[in-house]
N, C-alpha and C. Protein backbone atom coordinates (compact mmCIF):
# COMPACT_ATOMS: atom_id res chain seq x y z
N MET A 1 -5.48 12.52 -14.66
CA MET A 1 -4.93 11.33 -14.08
C MET A 1 -4.79 10.23 -15.15
N GLY A 2 -5.87 10.07 -15.99
CA GLY A 2 -5.75 9.02 -17.02
C GLY A 2 -4.71 9.29 -18.05
N VAL A 3 -4.53 10.57 -18.37
CA VAL A 3 -3.51 10.89 -19.42
C VAL A 3 -2.15 10.57 -18.85
N GLU A 4 -1.85 10.87 -17.55
CA GLU A 4 -0.58 10.64 -17.00
C GLU A 4 -0.32 9.13 -16.94
N TYR A 5 -1.32 8.37 -16.55
CA TYR A 5 -1.23 6.88 -16.52
C TYR A 5 -0.93 6.32 -17.88
N ALA A 6 -1.62 6.78 -18.89
CA ALA A 6 -1.41 6.31 -20.28
C ALA A 6 -0.03 6.63 -20.75
N ASN A 7 0.38 7.79 -20.51
CA ASN A 7 1.74 8.27 -20.93
C ASN A 7 2.85 7.44 -20.24
N ARG A 8 2.68 7.23 -18.93
CA ARG A 8 3.68 6.47 -18.20
C ARG A 8 3.77 5.06 -18.61
N ASN A 9 2.67 4.46 -19.04
CA ASN A 9 2.66 3.01 -19.48
C ASN A 9 2.65 2.84 -20.94
N GLY A 10 2.76 3.92 -21.69
CA GLY A 10 2.89 3.76 -23.13
C GLY A 10 1.63 3.19 -23.82
N VAL A 11 0.46 3.50 -23.28
CA VAL A 11 -0.75 3.01 -23.87
C VAL A 11 -1.56 4.13 -24.44
N LYS A 12 -2.48 3.76 -25.40
CA LYS A 12 -3.38 4.72 -26.02
C LYS A 12 -4.47 5.08 -25.15
N LEU A 13 -4.87 6.40 -25.06
CA LEU A 13 -5.98 6.79 -24.23
C LEU A 13 -7.04 7.38 -25.15
N SER A 14 -8.25 6.98 -25.05
CA SER A 14 -9.36 7.49 -25.76
C SER A 14 -10.27 8.23 -24.79
N VAL A 15 -10.56 9.48 -25.13
CA VAL A 15 -11.46 10.33 -24.31
C VAL A 15 -12.83 10.32 -24.99
N LEU A 16 -13.80 9.86 -24.18
CA LEU A 16 -15.23 9.85 -24.74
C LEU A 16 -15.78 11.22 -24.83
N PRO A 17 -16.18 11.66 -25.95
CA PRO A 17 -16.73 13.03 -26.08
C PRO A 17 -18.00 13.28 -25.25
N LYS A 18 -18.06 14.50 -24.67
CA LYS A 18 -19.20 14.99 -23.96
C LYS A 18 -19.50 14.23 -22.68
N LEU A 19 -18.41 13.49 -22.15
CA LEU A 19 -18.66 12.73 -20.89
C LEU A 19 -17.64 13.15 -19.87
N GLY A 20 -18.03 13.09 -18.64
CA GLY A 20 -17.20 13.47 -17.55
C GLY A 20 -16.46 12.33 -16.90
N HIS A 21 -16.33 12.43 -15.61
CA HIS A 21 -15.53 11.44 -14.83
C HIS A 21 -16.26 10.08 -14.65
N PHE A 22 -17.56 10.06 -14.80
CA PHE A 22 -18.32 8.83 -14.59
C PHE A 22 -19.13 8.46 -15.87
N PRO A 23 -18.43 8.10 -16.98
CA PRO A 23 -19.15 7.82 -18.22
C PRO A 23 -20.21 6.71 -18.06
N HIS A 24 -19.90 5.70 -17.18
CA HIS A 24 -20.81 4.55 -17.02
C HIS A 24 -22.11 4.99 -16.43
N LEU A 25 -22.15 6.12 -15.75
CA LEU A 25 -23.42 6.66 -15.19
C LEU A 25 -24.08 7.65 -16.14
N GLN A 26 -23.34 8.35 -16.98
CA GLN A 26 -23.86 9.39 -17.85
C GLN A 26 -24.35 8.83 -19.16
N ALA A 27 -23.66 7.78 -19.72
CA ALA A 27 -24.03 7.20 -21.01
C ALA A 27 -23.62 5.72 -20.96
N PRO A 28 -24.36 4.90 -20.23
CA PRO A 28 -24.05 3.50 -20.06
C PRO A 28 -23.87 2.75 -21.40
N GLU A 29 -24.81 3.00 -22.31
CA GLU A 29 -24.73 2.24 -23.56
C GLU A 29 -23.51 2.57 -24.30
N GLN A 30 -23.17 3.84 -24.43
CA GLN A 30 -21.94 4.25 -25.10
C GLN A 30 -20.69 3.75 -24.48
N THR A 31 -20.72 3.73 -23.15
CA THR A 31 -19.56 3.23 -22.46
C THR A 31 -19.34 1.73 -22.72
N VAL A 32 -20.43 0.97 -22.69
CA VAL A 32 -20.36 -0.49 -22.94
C VAL A 32 -19.85 -0.73 -24.42
N ASP A 33 -20.37 0.09 -25.30
CA ASP A 33 -19.93 -0.03 -26.72
C ASP A 33 -18.45 0.20 -26.86
N GLU A 34 -17.96 1.21 -26.23
CA GLU A 34 -16.50 1.58 -26.26
C GLU A 34 -15.68 0.45 -25.62
N VAL A 35 -16.05 -0.02 -24.53
CA VAL A 35 -15.28 -1.06 -23.83
C VAL A 35 -15.29 -2.40 -24.67
N ARG A 36 -16.40 -2.74 -25.16
CA ARG A 36 -16.47 -3.94 -26.09
C ARG A 36 -15.60 -3.73 -27.29
N ALA A 37 -15.63 -2.57 -27.97
CA ALA A 37 -14.81 -2.30 -29.09
C ALA A 37 -13.29 -2.45 -28.75
N ALA A 38 -12.93 -1.96 -27.57
CA ALA A 38 -11.51 -2.07 -27.15
C ALA A 38 -11.11 -3.46 -26.96
N PHE A 39 -11.93 -4.30 -26.32
CA PHE A 39 -11.60 -5.68 -26.05
C PHE A 39 -11.55 -6.45 -27.42
N LEU A 40 -12.42 -6.13 -28.33
CA LEU A 40 -12.43 -6.76 -29.66
C LEU A 40 -11.23 -6.39 -30.45
N ALA A 41 -10.81 -5.17 -30.29
CA ALA A 41 -9.56 -4.70 -31.02
C ALA A 41 -8.32 -5.47 -30.50
N VAL A 42 -8.28 -5.63 -29.15
CA VAL A 42 -7.12 -6.30 -28.56
C VAL A 42 -7.13 -7.81 -29.03
N GLU A 43 -8.33 -8.40 -29.01
CA GLU A 43 -8.44 -9.76 -29.39
C GLU A 43 -8.09 -9.94 -30.89
N ARG A 44 -8.51 -9.00 -31.71
CA ARG A 44 -8.19 -9.05 -33.11
C ARG A 44 -6.66 -8.97 -33.34
N ASP A 45 -5.97 -8.13 -32.61
CA ASP A 45 -4.52 -7.87 -32.70
C ASP A 45 -3.71 -8.95 -32.10
N THR A 46 -4.20 -9.61 -31.02
CA THR A 46 -3.32 -10.57 -30.32
C THR A 46 -3.89 -12.00 -30.34
N GLY A 47 -5.06 -12.14 -30.74
CA GLY A 47 -5.75 -13.48 -30.63
C GLY A 47 -6.46 -13.61 -29.35
N PRO A 48 -7.34 -14.60 -29.27
CA PRO A 48 -8.12 -14.82 -28.06
C PRO A 48 -7.22 -15.03 -26.85
N GLN A 49 -7.60 -14.49 -25.69
CA GLN A 49 -6.82 -14.59 -24.49
C GLN A 49 -7.30 -15.70 -23.66
C-alpha cells in the first residue's frame, strides 16, 4: 500500500529494515529517529515551514 501511494504521488519511500506494519510499536526509538531525520531533510531542502 505504501509503495503504491509513493509511486502515485512521486515521493520517495524508505522501508525500515526488520520492521513490519507497526514500526512505532516494534522499535519506537528507531521510528522517531527516522521521522525526525525526514523532517530535518525537508527543512534543510526547503527552509523552515
